[in-house]
PDB file of all heavy atoms in Angstrom:
ATOM      1  N   MET A   1       0.879  -1.168  -0.044  1.00  0.00           N
ATOM      2  CA  MET A   1      -0.031  -0.058  -0.003  1.00  0.00           C
ATOM      3  C   MET A   1       0.885   1.223  -0.005  1.00  0.00           C
ATOM      4  O   MET A   1       0.536   2.237  -0.684  1.00  0.00           O
ATOM      5  CB  MET A   1      -0.856  -0.014   1.238  1.00  0.00           C
ATOM      6  CG  MET A   1      -2.044   1.040   1.240  1.00  0.00           C
ATOM      7  SD  MET A   1      -3.349   0.633   0.011  1.00  0.00           S
ATOM      8  CE  MET A   1      -4.337   2.027   0.106  1.00  0.00           C
ATOM      9  N   LYS A   2       1.921   1.192   0.835  1.00  0.00           N
ATOM     10  CA  LYS A   2       2.802   2.313   0.870  1.00  0.00           C
ATOM     11  C   LYS A   2       3.557   2.557  -0.436  1.00  0.00           C
ATOM     12  O   LYS A   2       3.647   3.657  -0.937  1.00  0.00           O
ATOM     13  CB  LYS A   2       3.821   2.091   1.900  1.00  0.00           C
ATOM     14  CG  LYS A   2       4.871   3.173   2.175  1.00  0.00           C
ATOM     15  CD  LYS A   2       5.737   2.917   3.181  1.00  0.00           C
ATOM     16  CE  LYS A   2       6.750   4.102   3.453  1.00  0.00           C
ATOM     17  NZ  LYS A   2       7.751   3.778   4.509  1.00  0.00           N
ATOM     18  N   SER A   3       3.856   1.491  -1.124  1.00  0.00           N
ATOM     19  CA  SER A   3       4.514   1.600  -2.396  1.00  0.00           C
ATOM     20  C   SER A   3       3.537   2.150  -3.507  1.00  0.00           C
ATOM     21  O   SER A   3       3.972   2.959  -4.260  1.00  0.00           O
ATOM     22  CB  SER A   3       5.065   0.238  -2.941  1.00  0.00           C
ATOM     23  OG  SER A   3       4.030  -0.715  -3.029  1.00  0.00           O
ATOM     24  N   ILE A   4       2.350   1.782  -3.374  1.00  0.00           N
ATOM     25  CA  ILE A   4       1.357   2.336  -4.403  1.00  0.00           C
ATOM     26  C   ILE A   4       1.082   3.828  -4.201  1.00  0.00           C
ATOM     27  O   ILE A   4       1.133   4.626  -5.121  1.00  0.00           O
ATOM     28  CB  ILE A   4      -0.037   1.619  -4.175  1.00  0.00           C
ATOM     29  CG1 ILE A   4       0.062   0.127  -4.573  1.00  0.00           C
ATOM     30  CG2 ILE A   4      -1.101   2.300  -4.989  1.00  0.00           C
ATOM     31  CD1 ILE A   4      -1.155  -0.654  -4.405  1.00  0.00           C
ATOM     32  N   GLY A   5       1.041   4.284  -2.928  1.00  0.00           N
ATOM     33  CA  GLY A   5       0.994   5.657  -2.520  1.00  0.00           C
ATOM     34  C   GLY A   5       2.202   6.450  -3.047  1.00  0.00           C
ATOM     35  O   GLY A   5       2.052   7.618  -3.591  1.00  0.00           O
ATOM     36  N   THR A   6       3.408   5.816  -2.870  1.00  0.00           N
ATOM     37  CA  THR A   6       4.646   6.477  -3.312  1.00  0.00           C
ATOM     38  C   THR A   6       4.758   6.660  -4.804  1.00  0.00           C
ATOM     39  O   THR A   6       4.980   7.723  -5.350  1.00  0.00           O
ATOM     40  CB  THR A   6       5.820   5.664  -2.833  1.00  0.00           C
ATOM     41  OG1 THR A   6       5.784   5.526  -1.487  1.00  0.00           O
ATOM     42  CG2 THR A   6       7.106   6.377  -3.311  1.00  0.00           C
ATOM     43  N   LEU A   7       4.196   5.646  -5.547  1.00  0.00           N
ATOM     44  CA  LEU A   7       4.170   5.721  -7.035  1.00  0.00           C
ATOM     45  C   LEU A   7       3.192   6.733  -7.516  1.00  0.00           C
ATOM     46  O   LEU A   7       3.449   7.425  -8.460  1.00  0.00           O
ATOM     47  CB  LEU A   7       3.811   4.396  -7.565  1.00  0.00           C
ATOM     48  CG  LEU A   7       4.904   3.182  -7.500  1.00  0.00           C
ATOM     49  CD1 LEU A   7       4.367   1.858  -7.957  1.00  0.00           C
ATOM     50  CD2 LEU A   7       6.055   3.615  -8.361  1.00  0.00           C
ATOM     51  N   LEU A   8       2.000   6.757  -6.833  1.00  0.00           N
ATOM     52  CA  LEU A   8       1.041   7.720  -7.132  1.00  0.00           C
ATOM     53  C   LEU A   8       1.595   9.201  -6.956  1.00  0.00           C
ATOM     54  O   LEU A   8       1.422  10.067  -7.813  1.00  0.00           O
ATOM     55  CB  LEU A   8      -0.233   7.632  -6.320  1.00  0.00           C
ATOM     56  CG  LEU A   8      -1.454   8.537  -6.559  1.00  0.00           C
ATOM     57  CD1 LEU A   8      -1.824   8.424  -8.053  1.00  0.00           C
ATOM     58  CD2 LEU A   8      -2.583   8.203  -5.733  1.00  0.00           C
ATOM     59  N   PHE A   9       2.207   9.392  -5.826  1.00  0.00           N
ATOM     60  CA  PHE A   9       2.827  10.710  -5.571  1.00  0.00           C
ATOM     61  C   PHE A   9       3.824  11.159  -6.587  1.00  0.00           C
ATOM     62  O   PHE A   9       3.877  12.211  -7.109  1.00  0.00           O
ATOM     63  CB  PHE A   9       3.504  10.719  -4.140  1.00  0.00           C
ATOM     64  CG  PHE A   9       4.204  11.934  -3.834  1.00  0.00           C
ATOM     65  CD1 PHE A   9       3.529  13.133  -3.436  1.00  0.00           C
ATOM     66  CD2 PHE A   9       5.670  12.019  -4.025  1.00  0.00           C
ATOM     67  CE1 PHE A   9       4.259  14.297  -3.192  1.00  0.00           C
ATOM     68  CE2 PHE A   9       6.342  13.096  -3.716  1.00  0.00           C
ATOM     69  CZ  PHE A   9       5.668  14.262  -3.339  1.00  0.00           C
ATOM     70  N   LEU A  10       4.677  10.180  -6.958  1.00  0.00           N
ATOM     71  CA  LEU A  10       5.715  10.494  -8.009  1.00  0.00           C
ATOM     72  C   LEU A  10       5.043  10.769  -9.352  1.00  0.00           C
ATOM     73  O   LEU A  10       5.551  11.629 -10.075  1.00  0.00           O
ATOM     74  CB  LEU A  10       6.687   9.287  -8.135  1.00  0.00           C
ATOM     75  CG  LEU A  10       7.639   9.011  -6.885  1.00  0.00           C
ATOM     76  CD1 LEU A  10       8.488   7.655  -7.203  1.00  0.00           C
ATOM     77  CD2 LEU A  10       8.614  10.133  -6.870  1.00  0.00           C
ATOM     78  N   CYS A  11       3.997   9.967  -9.617  1.00  0.00           N
ATOM     79  CA  CYS A  11       3.296  10.239 -10.956  1.00  0.00           C
ATOM     80  C   CYS A  11       2.717  11.741 -10.950  1.00  0.00           C
ATOM     81  O   CYS A  11       2.915  12.322 -11.988  1.00  0.00           O
ATOM     82  CB  CYS A  11       2.204   9.156 -11.108  1.00  0.00           C
ATOM     83  SG  CYS A  11       1.283   9.396 -12.680  1.00  0.00           S
ATOM     84  N   LEU A  12       2.131  12.048  -9.879  1.00  0.00           N
ATOM     85  CA  LEU A  12       1.401  13.410  -9.832  1.00  0.00           C
ATOM     86  C   LEU A  12       2.542  14.451  -9.878  1.00  0.00           C
ATOM     87  O   LEU A  12       2.378  15.464 -10.623  1.00  0.00           O
ATOM     88  CB  LEU A  12       0.638  13.522  -8.495  1.00  0.00           C
ATOM     89  CG  LEU A  12      -0.655  12.665  -8.471  1.00  0.00           C
ATOM     90  CD1 LEU A  12      -1.183  12.865  -7.088  1.00  0.00           C
ATOM     91  CD2 LEU A  12      -1.630  13.200  -9.535  1.00  0.00           C
ATOM     92  N   ALA A  13       3.714  14.183  -9.296  1.00  0.00           N
ATOM     93  CA  ALA A  13       4.760  15.209  -9.236  1.00  0.00           C
ATOM     94  C   ALA A  13       5.360  15.426 -10.674  1.00  0.00           C
ATOM     95  O   ALA A  13       5.622  16.433 -11.126  1.00  0.00           O
ATOM     96  CB  ALA A  13       5.889  14.731  -8.310  1.00  0.00           C
ATOM     97  N   LEU A  14       5.541  14.182 -11.342  1.00  0.00           N
ATOM     98  CA  LEU A  14       6.073  14.228 -12.749  1.00  0.00           C
ATOM     99  C   LEU A  14       5.114  14.798 -13.712  1.00  0.00           C
ATOM    100  O   LEU A  14       5.533  15.525 -14.588  1.00  0.00           O
ATOM    101  CB  LEU A  14       6.448  12.819 -13.152  1.00  0.00           C
ATOM    102  CG  LEU A  14       7.667  12.234 -12.407  1.00  0.00           C
ATOM    103  CD1 LEU A  14       7.787  10.711 -12.841  1.00  0.00           C
ATOM    104  CD2 LEU A  14       8.957  12.955 -12.780  1.00  0.00           C
ATOM    105  N   CYS A  15       3.879  14.468 -13.592  1.00  0.00           N
ATOM    106  CA  CYS A  15       2.851  15.069 -14.465  1.00  0.00           C
ATOM    107  C   CYS A  15       2.786  16.566 -14.309  1.00  0.00           C
ATOM    108  O   CYS A  15       2.642  17.356 -15.243  1.00  0.00           O
ATOM    109  CB  CYS A  15       1.384  14.420 -14.176  1.00  0.00           C
ATOM    110  SG  CYS A  15       1.345  12.681 -14.708  1.00  0.00           S
ATOM    111  N   GLY A  16       2.776  16.896 -13.015  1.00  0.00           N
ATOM    112  CA  GLY A  16       2.798  18.443 -12.748  1.00  0.00           C
ATOM    113  C   GLY A  16       3.966  19.178 -13.323  1.00  0.00           C
ATOM    114  O   GLY A  16       3.918  20.243 -13.860  1.00  0.00           O
ATOM    115  N   ALA A  17       5.172  18.533 -13.165  1.00  0.00           N
ATOM    116  CA  ALA A  17       6.392  19.072 -13.682  1.00  0.00           C
ATOM    117  C   ALA A  17       6.212  19.249 -15.212  1.00  0.00           C
ATOM    118  O   ALA A  17       6.697  20.215 -15.858  1.00  0.00           O
ATOM    119  CB  ALA A  17       7.528  18.291 -13.352  1.00  0.00           C
ATOM    120  N   ALA A  18       5.700  18.182 -15.885  1.00  0.00           N
ATOM    121  CA  ALA A  18       5.496  18.229 -17.328  1.00  0.00           C
ATOM    122  C   ALA A  18       4.615  19.355 -17.728  1.00  0.00           C
ATOM    123  O   ALA A  18       4.909  20.080 -18.754  1.00  0.00           O
ATOM    124  CB  ALA A  18       5.111  16.900 -17.857  1.00  0.00           C
ATOM    125  N   GLN A  19       3.537  19.540 -17.046  1.00  0.00           N
ATOM    126  CA  GLN A  19       2.608  20.560 -17.332  1.00  0.00           C
ATOM    127  C   GLN A  19       3.141  21.976 -17.034  1.00  0.00           C
ATOM    128  O   GLN A  19       2.572  22.957 -17.492  1.00  0.00           O
ATOM    129  CB  GLN A  19       1.303  20.370 -16.516  1.00  0.00           C
ATOM    130  CG  GLN A  19       0.451  19.077 -16.974  1.00  0.00           C
ATOM    131  CD  GLN A  19      -0.800  18.805 -16.223  1.00  0.00           C
ATOM    132  OE1 GLN A  19      -0.855  19.262 -15.107  1.00  0.00           O
ATOM    133  NE2 GLN A  19      -1.739  18.126 -16.833  1.00  0.00           N
ATOM    134  N   ASN A  20       4.140  22.031 -16.248  1.00  0.00           N
ATOM    135  CA  ASN A  20       4.676  23.340 -15.834  1.00  0.00           C
ATOM    136  C   ASN A  20       5.885  23.672 -16.755  1.00  0.00           C
ATOM    137  O   ASN A  20       6.734  24.483 -16.216  1.00  0.00           O
ATOM    138  CB  ASN A  20       5.124  23.327 -14.387  1.00  0.00           C
ATOM    139  CG  ASN A  20       5.100  24.690 -13.660  1.00  0.00           C
ATOM    140  OD1 ASN A  20       4.441  25.638 -14.281  1.00  0.00           O
ATOM    141  ND2 ASN A  20       5.812  24.926 -12.664  1.00  0.00           N
ATOM    142  N   LYS A  21       5.909  23.205 -17.890  1.00  0.00           N
ATOM    143  CA  LYS A  21       7.021  23.634 -18.874  1.00  0.00           C
ATOM    144  C   LYS A  21       6.349  24.349 -20.095  1.00  0.00           C
ATOM    145  O   LYS A  21       5.161  24.050 -20.403  1.00  0.00           O
ATOM    146  CB  LYS A  21       7.697  22.408 -19.225  1.00  0.00           C
ATOM    147  CG  LYS A  21       8.706  21.828 -18.240  1.00  0.00           C
ATOM    148  CD  LYS A  21       9.487  20.671 -18.823  1.00  0.00           C
ATOM    149  CE  LYS A  21      10.418  20.164 -17.652  1.00  0.00           C
ATOM    150  NZ  LYS A  21      11.580  21.168 -17.507  1.00  0.00           N
ATOM    151  N   VAL A  22       7.128  25.137 -20.728  1.00  0.00           N
ATOM    152  CA  VAL A  22       6.602  25.867 -21.871  1.00  0.00           C
ATOM    153  C   VAL A  22       7.180  25.365 -23.194  1.00  0.00           C
ATOM    154  O   VAL A  22       7.067  25.921 -24.268  1.00  0.00           O
ATOM    155  CB  VAL A  22       6.810  27.393 -21.765  1.00  0.00           C
ATOM    156  CG1 VAL A  22       5.965  28.014 -20.783  1.00  0.00           C
ATOM    157  CG2 VAL A  22       8.327  27.654 -21.490  1.00  0.00           C
ATOM    158  N   VAL A  23       7.958  24.169 -23.125  1.00  0.00           N
ATOM    159  CA  VAL A  23       8.531  23.580 -24.357  1.00  0.00           C
ATOM    160  C   VAL A  23       7.391  23.293 -25.279  1.00  0.00           C
ATOM    161  O   VAL A  23       6.361  22.691 -24.919  1.00  0.00           O
ATOM    162  CB  VAL A  23       9.323  22.413 -23.896  1.00  0.00           C
ATOM    163  CG1 VAL A  23       9.731  21.640 -25.112  1.00  0.00           C
ATOM    164  CG2 VAL A  23      10.444  22.733 -22.978  1.00  0.00           C
ATOM    165  N   GLY A  24       7.622  23.540 -26.561  1.00  0.00           N
ATOM    166  CA  GLY A  24       6.733  23.129 -27.597  1.00  0.00           C
ATOM    167  C   GLY A  24       6.493  24.058 -28.684  1.00  0.00           C
ATOM    168  O   GLY A  24       7.076  25.156 -28.731  1.00  0.00           O
ATOM    169  N   TYR A  25       5.509  23.692 -29.570  1.00  0.00           N
ATOM    170  CA  TYR A  25       5.066  24.582 -30.632  1.00  0.00           C
ATOM    171  C   TYR A  25       3.769  25.151 -30.325  1.00  0.00           C
ATOM    172  O   TYR A  25       2.761  24.570 -29.992  1.00  0.00           O
ATOM    173  CB  TYR A  25       5.008  23.657 -31.867  1.00  0.00           C
ATOM    174  CG  TYR A  25       4.399  24.398 -33.101  1.00  0.00           C
ATOM    175  CD1 TYR A  25       5.183  25.183 -33.981  1.00  0.00           C
ATOM    176  CD2 TYR A  25       3.015  24.314 -33.295  1.00  0.00           C
ATOM    177  CE1 TYR A  25       4.654  25.873 -35.051  1.00  0.00           C
ATOM    178  CE2 TYR A  25       2.498  25.019 -34.478  1.00  0.00           C
ATOM    179  CZ  TYR A  25       3.332  25.795 -35.318  1.00  0.00           C
ATOM    180  OH  TYR A  25       2.764  26.428 -36.391  1.00  0.00           O
TER     181      TYR A  25
END
């Protein structure tokens, strides 16, 4: 359960970081 929570947290963090970039066309 702890590992699932950790993975979810990392996923949200990475998704947020990706959305917080202006790279692109």
